[in-house]
PDB file of N, CA and C in Angstrom:
ATOM      1  N   MET A   1      81.630 205.124 131.085  1.00  0.00           N
ATOM      2  CA  MET A   1      81.533 204.218 132.015  1.00  0.00           C
ATOM      3  C   MET A   1      81.537 202.731 131.136  1.00  0.00           C
ATOM      4  N   ALA A   2      82.578 201.963 131.498  1.00  0.00           N
ATOM      5  CA  ALA A   2      82.954 200.805 131.008  1.00  0.00           C
ATOM      6  C   ALA A   2      81.904 199.663 131.030  1.00  0.00           C
ATOM      7  N   ASP A   3      81.124 199.573 132.025  1.00  0.00           N
ATOM      8  CA  ASP A   3      80.244 198.558 132.039  1.00  0.00           C
ATOM      9  C   ASP A   3      78.833 198.686 131.228  1.00  0.00           C
ATOM     10  N   ARG A   4      78.746 199.917 130.244  1.00  0.00           N
ATOM     11  CA  ARG A   4      77.489 200.101 129.910  1.00  0.00           C
ATOM     12  C   ARG A   4      77.318 198.974 128.705  1.00  0.00           C
ATOM     13  N   ARG A   5      76.066 198.566 128.197  1.00  0.00           N
ATOM     14  CA  ARG A   5      75.969 197.428 127.635  1.00  0.00           C
ATOM     15  C   ARG A   5      76.129 198.388 126.179  1.00  0.00           C
ATOM     16  N   ARG A   6      76.400 197.472 124.997  1.00  0.00           N
ATOM     17  CA  ARG A   6      76.525 198.192 123.522  1.00  0.00           C
ATOM     18  C   ARG A   6      75.641 197.304 123.011  1.00  0.00           C
ATOM     19  N   VAL A   7      74.721 198.428 122.008  1.00  0.00           N
ATOM     20  CA  VAL A   7      73.734 197.941 121.047  1.00  0.00           C
ATOM     21  C   VAL A   7      74.095 198.031 119.850  1.00  0.00           C
ATOM     22  N   LEU A   8      74.083 197.526 119.038  1.00  0.00           N
ATOM     23  CA  LEU A   8      74.186 197.850 117.164  1.00  0.00           C
ATOM     24  C   LEU A   8      72.892 197.968 116.769  1.00  0.00           C
ATOM     25  N   VAL A   9      72.755 199.040 116.279  1.00  0.00           N
ATOM     26  CA  VAL A   9      71.221 199.549 115.676  1.00  0.00           C
ATOM     27  C   VAL A   9      71.491 199.810 114.430  1.00  0.00           C
ATOM     28  N   VAL A  10      70.677 198.719 113.725  1.00  0.00           N
ATOM     29  CA  VAL A  10      70.641 198.817 112.093  1.00  0.00           C
ATOM     30  C   VAL A  10      69.293 199.260 111.556  1.00  0.00           C
ATOM     31  N   GLU A  11      69.569 200.105 110.738  1.00  0.00           N
ATOM     32  CA  GLU A  11      68.356 200.839 110.244  1.00  0.00           C
ATOM     33  C   GLU A  11      68.649 201.838 109.184  1.00  0.00           C
ATOM     34  N   ASP A  12      68.117 202.126 107.975  1.00  0.00           N
ATOM     35  CA  ASP A  12      68.490 202.413 106.680  1.00  0.00           C
ATOM     36  C   ASP A  12      67.590 203.967 106.582  1.00  0.00           C
ATOM     37  N   GLU A  13      66.653 204.179 107.363  1.00  0.00           N
ATOM     38  CA  GLU A  13      65.936 205.285 107.750  1.00  0.00           C
ATOM     39  C   GLU A  13      66.757 206.143 108.517  1.00  0.00           C
ATOM     40  N   GLU A  14      67.416 207.098 107.978  1.00  0.00           N
ATOM     41  CA  GLU A  14      68.630 208.061 108.985  1.00  0.00           C
ATOM     42  C   GLU A  14      67.732 208.643 110.319  1.00  0.00           C
ATOM     43  N   MET A  15      66.250 209.106 109.977  1.00  0.00           N
ATOM     44  CA  MET A  15      65.826 209.876 111.005  1.00  0.00           C
ATOM     45  C   MET A  15      65.387 208.666 112.082  1.00  0.00           C
ATOM     46  N   LEU A  16      64.784 207.606 111.848  1.00  0.00           N
ATOM     47  CA  LEU A  16      64.440 206.829 112.538  1.00  0.00           C
ATOM     48  C   LEU A  16      65.832 206.008 113.411  1.00  0.00           C
ATOM     49  N   LEU A  17      66.786 205.864 112.508  1.00  0.00           N
ATOM     50  CA  LEU A  17      68.032 205.185 113.288  1.00  0.00           C
ATOM     51  C   LEU A  17      68.408 206.374 114.237  1.00  0.00           C
ATOM     52  N   ASN A  18      68.660 207.553 113.876  1.00  0.00           N
ATOM     53  CA  ASN A  18      68.806 208.731 114.866  1.00  0.00           C
ATOM     54  C   ASN A  18      67.908 208.718 116.422  1.00  0.00           C
ATOM     55  N   ALA A  19      66.599 208.612 116.202  1.00  0.00           N
ATOM     56  CA  ALA A  19      65.781 208.666 117.119  1.00  0.00           C
ATOM     57  C   ALA A  19      66.358 207.517 117.991  1.00  0.00           C
ATOM     58  N   VAL A  20      66.039 206.132 117.168  1.00  0.00           N
ATOM     59  CA  VAL A  20      66.357 204.789 118.207  1.00  0.00           C
ATOM     60  C   VAL A  20      67.519 204.889 118.891  1.00  0.00           C
ATOM     61  N   ALA A  21      68.824 205.635 118.357  1.00  0.00           N
ATOM     62  CA  ALA A  21      69.813 205.470 119.053  1.00  0.00           C
ATOM     63  C   ALA A  21      69.722 206.615 120.131  1.00  0.00           C
ATOM     64  N   MET A  22      69.207 207.600 120.060  1.00  0.00           N
ATOM     65  CA  MET A  22      69.112 208.400 121.137  1.00  0.00           C
ATOM     66  C   MET A  22      68.430 207.852 122.566  1.00  0.00           C
ATOM     67  N   GLU A  23      67.289 207.081 121.956  1.00  0.00           N
ATOM     68  CA  GLU A  23      66.576 206.318 123.069  1.00  0.00           C
ATOM     69  C   GLU A  23      67.300 205.314 123.664  1.00  0.00           C
ATOM     70  N   PHE A  24      68.298 204.757 123.010  1.00  0.00           N
ATOM     71  CA  PHE A  24      68.855 203.774 123.600  1.00  0.00           C
ATOM     72  C   PHE A  24      70.119 204.424 124.413  1.00  0.00           C
ATOM     73  N   GLU A  25      70.750 205.433 124.020  1.00  0.00           N
ATOM     74  CA  GLU A  25      71.424 206.219 124.710  1.00  0.00           C
ATOM     75  C   GLU A  25      71.015 206.546 126.202  1.00  0.00           C
ATOM     76  N   ASP A  26      69.736 207.307 126.000  1.00  0.00           N
ATOM     77  CA  ASP A  26      69.006 207.959 127.280  1.00  0.00           C
ATOM     78  C   ASP A  26      68.966 206.889 128.202  1.00  0.00           C
ATOM     79  N   ALA A  27      68.589 205.517 127.517  1.00  0.00           N
ATOM     80  CA  ALA A  27      68.585 204.110 128.644  1.00  0.00           C
ATOM     81  C   ALA A  27      69.831 203.649 129.082  1.00  0.00           C
ATOM     82  N   GLY A  28      70.796 204.321 128.951  1.00  0.00           N
ATOM     83  CA  GLY A  28      72.489 203.882 129.455  1.00  0.00           C
ATOM     84  C   GLY A  28      73.108 203.059 128.537  1.00  0.00           C
ATOM     85  N   PHE A  29      72.733 202.965 127.448  1.00  0.00           N
ATOM     86  CA  PHE A  29      73.548 201.960 126.460  1.00  0.00           C
ATOM     87  C   PHE A  29      74.570 202.826 125.583  1.00  0.00           C
ATOM     88  N   GLU A  30      75.557 202.100 125.087  1.00  0.00           N
ATOM     89  CA  GLU A  30      76.598 202.710 124.178  1.00  0.00           C
ATOM     90  C   GLU A  30      76.020 202.238 122.746  1.00  0.00           C
ATOM     91  N   VAL A  31      75.821 203.264 121.962  1.00  0.00           N
ATOM     92  CA  VAL A  31      75.202 202.731 120.781  1.00  0.00           C
ATOM     93  C   VAL A  31      76.304 202.779 119.760  1.00  0.00           C
ATOM     94  N   ILE A  32      76.155 202.148 118.743  1.00  0.00           N
ATOM     95  CA  ILE A  32      76.786 201.683 117.394  1.00  0.00           C
ATOM     96  C   ILE A  32      75.860 201.620 116.295  1.00  0.00           C
ATOM     97  N   CYS A  33      75.991 202.535 115.292  1.00  0.00           N
ATOM     98  CA  CYS A  33      74.991 202.645 114.205  1.00  0.00           C
ATOM     99  C   CYS A  33      75.383 201.744 112.920  1.00  0.00           C
ATOM    100  N   ALA A  34      74.724 201.487 112.282  1.00  0.00           N
ATOM    101  CA  ALA A  34      74.922 201.005 110.808  1.00  0.00           C
ATOM    102  C   ALA A  34      73.668 201.043 109.951  1.00  0.00           C
ATOM    103  N   GLY A  35      73.846 201.737 108.605  1.00  0.00           N
ATOM    104  CA  GLY A  35      72.870 201.738 107.810  1.00  0.00           C
ATOM    105  C   GLY A  35      72.356 200.614 106.930  1.00  0.00           C
ATOM    106  N   THR A  36      73.284 199.334 106.774  1.00  0.00           N
ATOM    107  CA  THR A  36      72.795 198.314 106.051  1.00  0.00           C
ATOM    108  C   THR A  36      73.590 197.279 106.590  1.00  0.00           C
ATOM    109  N   ALA A  37      73.029 196.072 106.360  1.00  0.00           N
ATOM    110  CA  ALA A  37      73.473 194.747 106.763  1.00  0.00           C
ATOM    111  C   ALA A  37      75.149 194.504 106.732  1.00  0.00           C
ATOM    112  N   GLU A  38      75.400 194.711 105.323  1.00  0.00           N
ATOM    113  CA  GLU A  38      76.983 194.544 105.388  1.00  0.00           C
ATOM    114  C   GLU A  38      77.702 195.315 106.245  1.00  0.00           C
ATOM    115  N   ALA A  39      77.265 196.647 106.223  1.00  0.00           N
ATOM    116  CA  ALA A  39      78.040 197.509 107.350  1.00  0.00           C
ATOM    117  C   ALA A  39      78.468 197.350 108.806  1.00  0.00           C
ATOM    118  N   ALA A  40      77.070 196.360 109.198  1.00  0.00           N
ATOM    119  CA  ALA A  40      76.759 196.080 110.473  1.00  0.00           C
ATOM    120  C   ALA A  40      77.323 194.715 110.668  1.00  0.00           C
ATOM    121  N   TYR A  41      77.312 193.951 109.754  1.00  0.00           N
ATOM    122  CA  TYR A  41      78.194 192.505 109.686  1.00  0.00           C
ATOM    123  C   TYR A  41      79.872 192.761 109.938  1.00  0.00           C
ATOM    124  N   GLU A  42      80.219 193.968 109.223  1.00  0.00           N
ATOM    125  CA  GLU A  42      81.903 194.104 109.268  1.00  0.00           C
ATOM    126  C   GLU A  42      82.161 194.895 110.615  1.00  0.00           C
ATOM    127  N   LEU A  43      81.068 195.570 111.356  1.00  0.00           N
ATOM    128  CA  LEU A  43      81.276 196.025 112.912  1.00  0.00           C
ATOM    129  C   LEU A  43      81.029 194.797 113.950  1.00  0.00           C
ATOM    130  N   LEU A  44      80.098 194.003 113.494  1.00  0.00           N
ATOM    131  CA  LEU A  44      80.254 192.714 114.374  1.00  0.00           C
ATOM    132  C   LEU A  44      81.648 192.049 114.318  1.00  0.00           C
ATOM    133  N   ARG A  45      81.868 191.893 113.225  1.00  0.00           N
ATOM    134  CA  ARG A  45      83.204 191.245 113.146  1.00  0.00           C
ATOM    135  C   ARG A  45      84.497 191.590 113.638  1.00  0.00           C
ATOM    136  N   ASP A  46      84.605 193.123 113.042  1.00  0.00           N
ATOM    137  CA  ASP A  46      85.796 194.024 114.109  1.00  0.00           C
ATOM    138  C   ASP A  46      85.462 193.982 115.651  1.00  0.00           C
ATOM    139  N   ARG A  47      84.397 193.890 115.912  1.00  0.00           N
ATOM    140  CA  ARG A  47      83.969 194.710 117.374  1.00  0.00           C
ATOM    141  C   ARG A  47      83.530 193.837 118.332  1.00  0.00           C
ATOM    142  N   PRO A  48      84.175 192.929 118.758  1.00  0.00           N
ATOM    143  CA  PRO A  48      83.342 191.930 119.647  1.00  0.00           C
ATOM    144  C   PRO A  48      82.691 192.686 121.280  1.00  0.00           C
ATOM    145  N   GLY A  49      82.063 192.020 121.701  1.00  0.00           N
ATOM    146  CA  GLY A  49      81.415 192.638 122.656  1.00  0.00           C
ATOM    147  C   GLY A  49      80.136 193.384 122.646  1.00  0.00           C
ATOM    148  N   ILE A  50      79.662 193.173 121.444  1.00  0.00           N
ATOM    149  CA  ILE A  50      78.322 193.605 120.981  1.00  0.00           C
ATOM    150  C   ILE A  50      77.037 193.309 122.143  1.00  0.00           C
ATOM    151  N   ASP A  51      76.118 193.654 122.650  1.00  0.00           N
ATOM    152  CA  ASP A  51      75.450 192.957 123.672  1.00  0.00           C
ATOM    153  C   ASP A  51      74.132 192.981 123.205  1.00  0.00           C
ATOM    154  N   LEU A  52      73.638 193.645 122.118  1.00  0.00           N
ATOM    155  CA  LEU A  52      72.490 193.268 121.604  1.00  0.00           C
ATOM    156  C   LEU A  52      72.457 193.909 120.029  1.00  0.00           C
ATOM    157  N   LEU A  53      71.690 193.222 119.296  1.00  0.00           N
ATOM    158  CA  LEU A  53      71.508 193.428 117.896  1.00  0.00           C
ATOM    159  C   LEU A  53      69.918 193.884 118.023  1.00  0.00           C
ATOM    160  N   PHE A  54      69.834 195.248 117.239  1.00  0.00           N
ATOM    161  CA  PHE A  54      68.454 195.575 116.934  1.00  0.00           C
ATOM    162  C   PHE A  54      68.642 196.211 115.368  1.00  0.00           C
ATOM    163  N   THR A  55      67.962 194.879 114.577  1.00  0.00           N
ATOM    164  CA  THR A  55      67.993 195.375 113.497  1.00  0.00           C
ATOM    165  C   THR A  55      66.487 195.388 112.637  1.00  0.00           C
ATOM    166  N   ASP A  56      66.470 196.452 111.349  1.00  0.00           N
ATOM    167  CA  ASP A  56      65.379 196.308 110.500  1.00  0.00           C
ATOM    168  C   ASP A  56      65.190 195.342 109.932  1.00  0.00           C
ATOM    169  N   ILE A  57      64.318 194.659 109.333  1.00  0.00           N
ATOM    170  CA  ILE A  57      64.327 193.352 108.807  1.00  0.00           C
ATOM    171  C   ILE A  57      64.824 194.046 107.002  1.00  0.00           C
ATOM    172  N   ARG A  58      63.821 194.795 106.593  1.00  0.00           N
ATOM    173  CA  ARG A  58      64.091 195.503 105.100  1.00  0.00           C
ATOM    174  C   ARG A  58      65.200 196.550 105.112  1.00  0.00           C
ATOM    175  N   LEU A  59      66.326 196.278 104.640  1.00  0.00           N
ATOM    176  CA  LEU A  59      67.627 197.150 104.372  1.00  0.00           C
ATOM    177  C   LEU A  59      68.239 196.891 102.898  1.00  0.00           C
ATOM    178  N   PRO A  60      68.643 197.977 102.789  1.00  0.00           N
ATOM    179  CA  PRO A  60      69.225 197.845 101.362  1.00  0.00           C
ATOM    180  C   PRO A  60      70.352 197.120 101.288  1.00  0.00           C
ATOM    181  N   GLY A  61      70.946 196.807  99.966  1.00  0.00           N
ATOM    182  CA  GLY A  61      72.081 195.960  99.800  1.00  0.00           C
ATOM    183  C   GLY A  61      71.665 194.360  99.553  1.00  0.00           C
ATOM    184  N   ARG A  62      72.512 193.454  99.722  1.00  0.00           N
ATOM    185  CA  ARG A  62      72.396 192.287  99.278  1.00  0.00           C
ATOM    186  C   ARG A  62      71.891 191.333 100.552  1.00  0.00           C
ATOM    187  N   LEU A  63      72.425 192.099 101.774  1.00  0.00           N
ATOM    188  CA  LEU A  63      71.663 191.263 103.035  1.00  0.00           C
ATOM    189  C   LEU A  63      70.494 191.682 103.580  1.00  0.00           C
ATOM    190  N   ASP A  64      69.627 191.248 104.236  1.00  0.00           N
ATOM    191  CA  ASP A  64      68.462 191.695 104.840  1.00  0.00           C
ATOM    192  C   ASP A  64      68.649 191.570 106.368  1.00  0.00           C
ATOM    193  N   GLY A  65      67.790 191.992 107.353  1.00  0.00           N
ATOM    194  CA  GLY A  65      67.930 191.673 108.614  1.00  0.00           C
ATOM    195  C   GLY A  65      67.768 190.143 109.063  1.00  0.00           C
ATOM    196  N   TRP A  66      67.039 189.279 108.325  1.00  0.00           N
ATOM    197  CA  TRP A  66      67.231 187.937 108.737  1.00  0.00           C
ATOM    198  C   TRP A  66      68.753 187.341 108.640  1.00  0.00           C
ATOM    199  N   ASP A  67      69.239 187.735 107.433  1.00  0.00           N
ATOM    200  CA  ASP A  67      70.561 187.176 107.258  1.00  0.00           C
ATOM    201  C   ASP A  67      71.529 187.830 108.235  1.00  0.00           C
ATOM    202  N   LEU A  68      71.525 189.099 108.602  1.00  0.00           N
ATOM    203  CA  LEU A  68      72.492 189.780 109.254  1.00  0.00           C
ATOM    204  C   LEU A  68      72.423 188.953 110.514  1.00  0.00           C
ATOM    205  N   ALA A  69      71.099 188.498 110.938  1.00  0.00           N
ATOM    206  CA  ALA A  69      71.155 187.989 112.456  1.00  0.00           C
ATOM    207  C   ALA A  69      71.464 186.259 112.430  1.00  0.00           C
ATOM    208  N   GLU A  70      71.283 185.949 111.192  1.00  0.00           N
ATOM    209  CA  GLU A  70      71.945 184.489 111.163  1.00  0.00           C
ATOM    210  C   GLU A  70      73.809 184.549 111.139  1.00  0.00           C
ATOM    211  N   ARG A  71      73.851 185.690 110.510  1.00  0.00           N
ATOM    212  CA  ARG A  71      75.645 185.778 110.322  1.00  0.00           C
ATOM    213  C   ARG A  71      76.015 186.164 111.558  1.00  0.00           C
ATOM    214  N   ALA A  72      75.237 186.946 112.144  1.00  0.00           N
ATOM    215  CA  ALA A  72      75.929 187.575 113.780  1.00  0.00           C
ATOM    216  C   ALA A  72      75.982 186.411 114.646  1.00  0.00           C
ATOM    217  N   ARG A  73      74.931 185.614 114.546  1.00  0.00           N
ATOM    218  CA  ARG A  73      74.836 184.331 115.442  1.00  0.00           C
ATOM    219  C   ARG A  73      76.034 183.426 115.132  1.00  0.00           C
ATOM    220  N   ALA A  74      76.573 183.336 114.027  1.00  0.00           N
ATOM    221  CA  ALA A  74      77.487 182.599 113.826  1.00  0.00           C
ATOM    222  C   ALA A  74      78.708 183.166 114.487  1.00  0.00           C
ATOM    223  N   LEU A  75      79.154 184.384 114.577  1.00  0.00           N
ATOM    224  CA  LEU A  75      80.110 185.166 115.302  1.00  0.00           C
ATOM    225  C   LEU A  75      79.809 185.077 116.630  1.00  0.00           C
ATOM    226  N   GLN A  76      78.735 185.347 117.270  1.00  0.00           N
ATOM    227  CA  GLN A  76      78.515 185.503 118.559  1.00  0.00           C
ATOM    228  C   GLN A  76      76.921 184.691 119.067  1.00  0.00           C
ATOM    229  N   PRO A  77      77.166 183.563 119.240  1.00  0.00           N
ATOM    230  CA  PRO A  77      75.808 182.421 119.226  1.00  0.00           C
ATOM    231  C   PRO A  77      74.989 183.015 120.234  1.00  0.00           C
ATOM    232  N   ASP A  78      75.218 183.820 121.499  1.00  0.00           N
ATOM    233  CA  ASP A  78      74.393 183.874 122.317  1.00  0.00           C
ATOM    234  C   ASP A  78      73.944 185.591 122.207  1.00  0.00           C
ATOM    235  N   LEU A  79      73.959 186.090 120.953  1.00  0.00           N
ATOM    236  CA  LEU A  79      73.999 187.293 120.986  1.00  0.00           C
ATOM    237  C   LEU A  79      72.254 187.609 120.498  1.00  0.00           C
ATOM    238  N   PRO A  80      71.644 188.514 121.622  1.00  0.00           N
ATOM    239  CA  PRO A  80      70.075 188.619 121.702  1.00  0.00           C
ATOM    240  C   PRO A  80      69.966 189.635 120.309  1.00  0.00           C
ATOM    241  N   VAL A  81      68.764 189.327 119.996  1.00  0.00           N
ATOM    242  CA  VAL A  81      68.416 190.043 118.500  1.00  0.00           C
ATOM    243  C   VAL A  81      67.003 190.418 118.913  1.00  0.00           C
ATOM    244  N   ILE A  82      66.931 191.655 118.494  1.00  0.00           N
ATOM    245  CA  ILE A  82      65.317 192.456 118.337  1.00  0.00           C
ATOM    246  C   ILE A  82      65.357 193.036 116.775  1.00  0.00           C
ATOM    247  N   TYR A  83      64.221 192.381 116.431  1.00  0.00           N
ATOM    248  CA  TYR A  83      64.010 192.407 114.644  1.00  0.00           C
ATOM    249  C   TYR A  83      62.869 193.618 114.878  1.00  0.00           C
ATOM    250  N   VAL A  84      62.928 194.707 114.115  1.00  0.00           N
ATOM    251  CA  VAL A  84      61.638 195.435 113.729  1.00  0.00           C
ATOM    252  C   VAL A  84      61.418 195.213 112.220  1.00  0.00           C
ATOM    253  N   THR A  85      59.848 195.351 111.929  1.00  0.00           N
ATOM    254  CA  THR A  85      59.707 195.693 110.519  1.00  0.00           C
ATOM    255  C   THR A  85      58.381 196.039 110.559  1.00  0.00           C
ATOM    256  N   GLY A  86      57.898 196.910 109.365  1.00  0.00           N
ATOM    257  CA  GLY A  86      56.600 197.518 109.070  1.00  0.00           C
ATOM    258  C   GLY A  86      55.943 196.494 108.001  1.00  0.00           C
ATOM    259  N   TYR A  87      56.907 195.704 107.492  1.00  0.00           N
ATOM    260  CA  TYR A  87      56.313 194.599 106.495  1.00  0.00           C
ATOM    261  C   TYR A  87      56.021 193.349 107.058  1.00  0.00           C
ATOM    262  N   SER A  88      54.971 192.765 106.630  1.00  0.00           N
ATOM    263  CA  SER A  88      54.961 191.356 107.431  1.00  0.00           C
ATOM    264  C   SER A  88      54.702 190.202 106.339  1.00  0.00           C
ATOM    265  N   ALA A  89      55.034 190.556 105.118  1.00  0.00           N
ATOM    266  CA  ALA A  89      54.107 189.521 104.174  1.00  0.00           C
ATOM    267  C   ALA A  89      55.220 188.357 104.098  1.00  0.00           C
ATOM    268  N   GLU A  90      56.375 188.304 104.388  1.00  0.00           N
ATOM    269  CA  GLU A  90      57.327 187.390 104.309  1.00  0.00           C
ATOM    270  C   GLU A  90      57.407 186.623 105.476  1.00  0.00           C
ATOM    271  N   GLU A  91      57.606 185.204 105.589  1.00  0.00           N
ATOM    272  CA  GLU A  91      57.662 184.473 106.571  1.00  0.00           C
ATOM    273  C   GLU A  91      58.829 184.822 107.387  1.00  0.00           C
ATOM    274  N   PRO A  92      58.833 184.768 108.794  1.00  0.00           N
ATOM    275  CA  PRO A  92      59.795 185.339 109.679  1.00  0.00           C
ATOM    276  C   PRO A  92      60.850 184.272 109.690  1.00  0.00           C
ATOM    277  N   ARG A  93      62.116 184.736 109.609  1.00  0.00           N
ATOM    278  CA  ARG A  93      63.043 183.762 109.782  1.00  0.00           C
ATOM    279  C   ARG A  93      64.127 184.016 111.110  1.00  0.00           C
ATOM    280  N   GLN A  94      63.393 183.968 112.283  1.00  0.00           N
ATOM    281  CA  GLN A  94      63.845 184.427 113.433  1.00  0.00           C
ATOM    282  C   GLN A  94      65.253 183.548 114.034  1.00  0.00           C
ATOM    283  N   VAL A  95      66.191 183.857 114.587  1.00  0.00           N
ATOM    284  CA  VAL A  95      67.056 183.213 115.363  1.00  0.00           C
ATOM    285  C   VAL A  95      66.449 182.788 116.593  1.00  0.00           C
ATOM    286  N   ALA A  96      66.824 182.008 117.366  1.00  0.00           N
ATOM    287  CA  ALA A  96      66.435 181.419 118.569  1.00  0.00           C
ATOM    288  C   ALA A  96      66.428 182.954 119.566  1.00  0.00           C
ATOM    289  N   GLU A  97      65.692 182.583 120.553  1.00  0.00           N
ATOM    290  CA  GLU A  97      65.909 183.481 121.789  1.00  0.00           C
ATOM    291  C   GLU A  97      66.176 185.281 120.996  1.00  0.00           C
ATOM    292  N   SER A  98      65.220 185.579 120.206  1.00  0.00           N
ATOM    293  CA  SER A  98      64.815 186.763 119.729  1.00  0.00           C
ATOM    294  C   SER A  98      63.414 187.233 119.666  1.00  0.00           C
ATOM    295  N   VAL A  99      63.211 188.563 119.730  1.00  0.00           N
ATOM    296  CA  VAL A  99      61.827 189.301 119.607  1.00  0.00           C
ATOM    297  C   VAL A  99      61.939 189.974 118.117  1.00  0.00           C
ATOM    298  N   LEU A 100      60.280 189.559 117.795  1.00  0.00           N
ATOM    299  CA  LEU A 100      60.016 190.711 116.592  1.00  0.00           C
ATOM    300  C   LEU A 100      59.135 191.508 117.252  1.00  0.00           C
ATOM    301  N   VAL A 101      59.310 192.682 116.443  1.00  0.00           N
ATOM    302  CA  VAL A 101      58.485 194.016 117.000  1.00  0.00           C
ATOM    303  C   VAL A 101      58.010 194.714 115.783  1.00  0.00           C
ATOM    304  N   MET A 102      56.606 194.889 115.535  1.00  0.00           N
ATOM    305  CA  MET A 102      56.276 195.697 114.233  1.00  0.00           C
ATOM    306  C   MET A 102      56.086 196.669 114.548  1.00  0.00           C
ATOM    307  N   LYS A 103      56.628 197.712 113.218  1.00  0.00           N
ATOM    308  CA  LYS A 103      56.555 199.061 113.200  1.00  0.00           C
ATOM    309  C   LYS A 103      54.891 199.598 112.852  1.00  0.00           C
ATOM    310  N   PRO A 104      54.756 200.931 113.350  1.00  0.00           N
ATOM    311  CA  PRO A 104      55.513 201.546 114.463  1.00  0.00           C
ATOM    312  C   PRO A 104      55.448 200.738 115.969  1.00  0.00           C
ATOM    313  N   TYR A 105      56.553 201.439 116.560  1.00  0.00           N
ATOM    314  CA  TYR A 105      56.315 200.706 118.100  1.00  0.00           C
ATOM    315  C   TYR A 105      57.161 201.860 119.025  1.00  0.00           C
ATOM    316  N   ARG A 106      56.911 201.577 120.337  1.00  0.00           N
ATOM    317  CA  ARG A 106      57.450 202.846 121.100  1.00  0.00           C
ATOM    318  C   ARG A 106      58.263 202.112 121.919  1.00  0.00           C
ATOM    319  N   MET A 107      59.512 203.059 122.155  1.00  0.00           N
ATOM    320  CA  MET A 107      60.447 202.671 122.407  1.00  0.00           C
ATOM    321  C   MET A 107      60.754 201.707 123.769  1.00  0.00           C
ATOM    322  N   THR A 108      59.596 202.089 124.815  1.00  0.00           N
ATOM    323  CA  THR A 108      59.374 201.341 125.848  1.00  0.00           C
ATOM    324  C   THR A 108      59.227 199.662 125.614  1.00  0.00           C
ATOM    325  N   ALA A 109      58.588 199.506 124.493  1.00  0.00           N
ATOM    326  CA  ALA A 109      58.458 198.261 124.271  1.00  0.00           C
ATOM    327  C   ALA A 109      59.821 197.533 123.646  1.00  0.00           C
ATOM    328  N   ILE A 110      60.710 198.112 123.007  1.00  0.00           N
ATOM    329  CA  ILE A 110      61.849 197.526 122.613  1.00  0.00           C
ATOM    330  C   ILE A 110      62.596 197.639 123.811  1.00  0.00           C
ATOM    331  N   LEU A 111      62.834 198.301 124.879  1.00  0.00           N
ATOM    332  CA  LEU A 111      63.423 198.276 125.861  1.00  0.00           C
ATOM    333  C   LEU A 111      62.966 197.046 126.769  1.00  0.00           C
ATOM    334  N   THR A 112      61.645 196.934 126.961  1.00  0.00           N
ATOM    335  CA  THR A 112      61.193 195.776 127.420  1.00  0.00           C
ATOM    336  C   THR A 112      61.606 194.549 127.298  1.00  0.00           C
ATOM    337  N   ALA A 113      61.866 194.177 125.653  1.00  0.00           N
ATOM    338  CA  ALA A 113      62.030 193.260 124.613  1.00  0.00           C
ATOM    339  C   ALA A 113      63.523 193.273 125.282  1.00  0.00           C
ATOM    340  N   ALA A 114      64.164 194.104 125.043  1.00  0.00           N
ATOM    341  CA  ALA A 114      65.932 193.761 125.429  1.00  0.00           C
ATOM    342  C   ALA A 114      65.999 193.315 126.846  1.00  0.00           C
ATOM    343  N   ARG A 115      65.065 193.724 128.132  1.00  0.00           N
ATOM    344  CA  ARG A 115      65.319 193.470 129.491  1.00  0.00           C
ATOM    345  C   ARG A 115      64.796 191.828 129.067  1.00  0.00           C
ATOM    346  N   GLY A 116      63.930 191.240 128.607  1.00  0.00           N
ATOM    347  CA  GLY A 116      63.621 189.998 128.429  1.00  0.00           C
ATOM    348  C   GLY A 116      64.253 189.310 127.610  1.00  0.00           C
ATOM    349  N   LEU A 117      65.280 189.581 127.107  1.00  0.00           N
ATOM    350  CA  LEU A 117      66.447 189.062 126.410  1.00  0.00           C
ATOM    351  C   LEU A 117      67.611 189.060 127.283  1.00  0.00           C
ATOM    352  N   GLY A 118      67.435 189.278 128.503  1.00  0.00           N
ATOM    353  CA  GLY A 118      68.582 189.789 129.495  1.00  0.00           C
ATOM    354  C   GLY A 118      69.271 190.703 129.177  1.00  0.00           C
ATOM    355  N   VAL A 119      69.187 191.600 128.472  1.00  0.00           N
ATOM    356  CA  VAL A 119      70.230 192.937 128.094  1.00  0.00           C
ATOM    357  C   VAL A 119      69.430 194.382 129.037  1.00  0.00           C
ATOM    358  N   ALA A 120      70.063 194.578 129.833  1.00  0.00           N
ATOM    359  CA  ALA A 120      69.240 195.781 130.665  1.00  0.00           C
ATOM    360  C   ALA A 120      70.505 196.693 130.866  1.00  0.00           C
TER     361      ALA A 120
END
């Protein structure tokens, strides 16, 4: 189906990455996965047409989820972003028109947030 929404899921915990990807697929999304912000940024740069960025904040490598979203918005200014984190001691650096969800979360909350951002 050519009209499916495309979500880029960025999560370094493989089991969680696979579970989230499956839930998005079940909801009708085309899913692209990355385990680091650097890999995700390359995908965003090389594959236009991502409809939603779903990213963990704490990621291995030089960039975190905050950095990724800022760079993603430089490429795609209207890209909806959903951040997830289980660690909240740092000050949020959310881009405009984004949602922050604390772990553990239910996928129904994620899909509701996506709809709230206009991605359904």
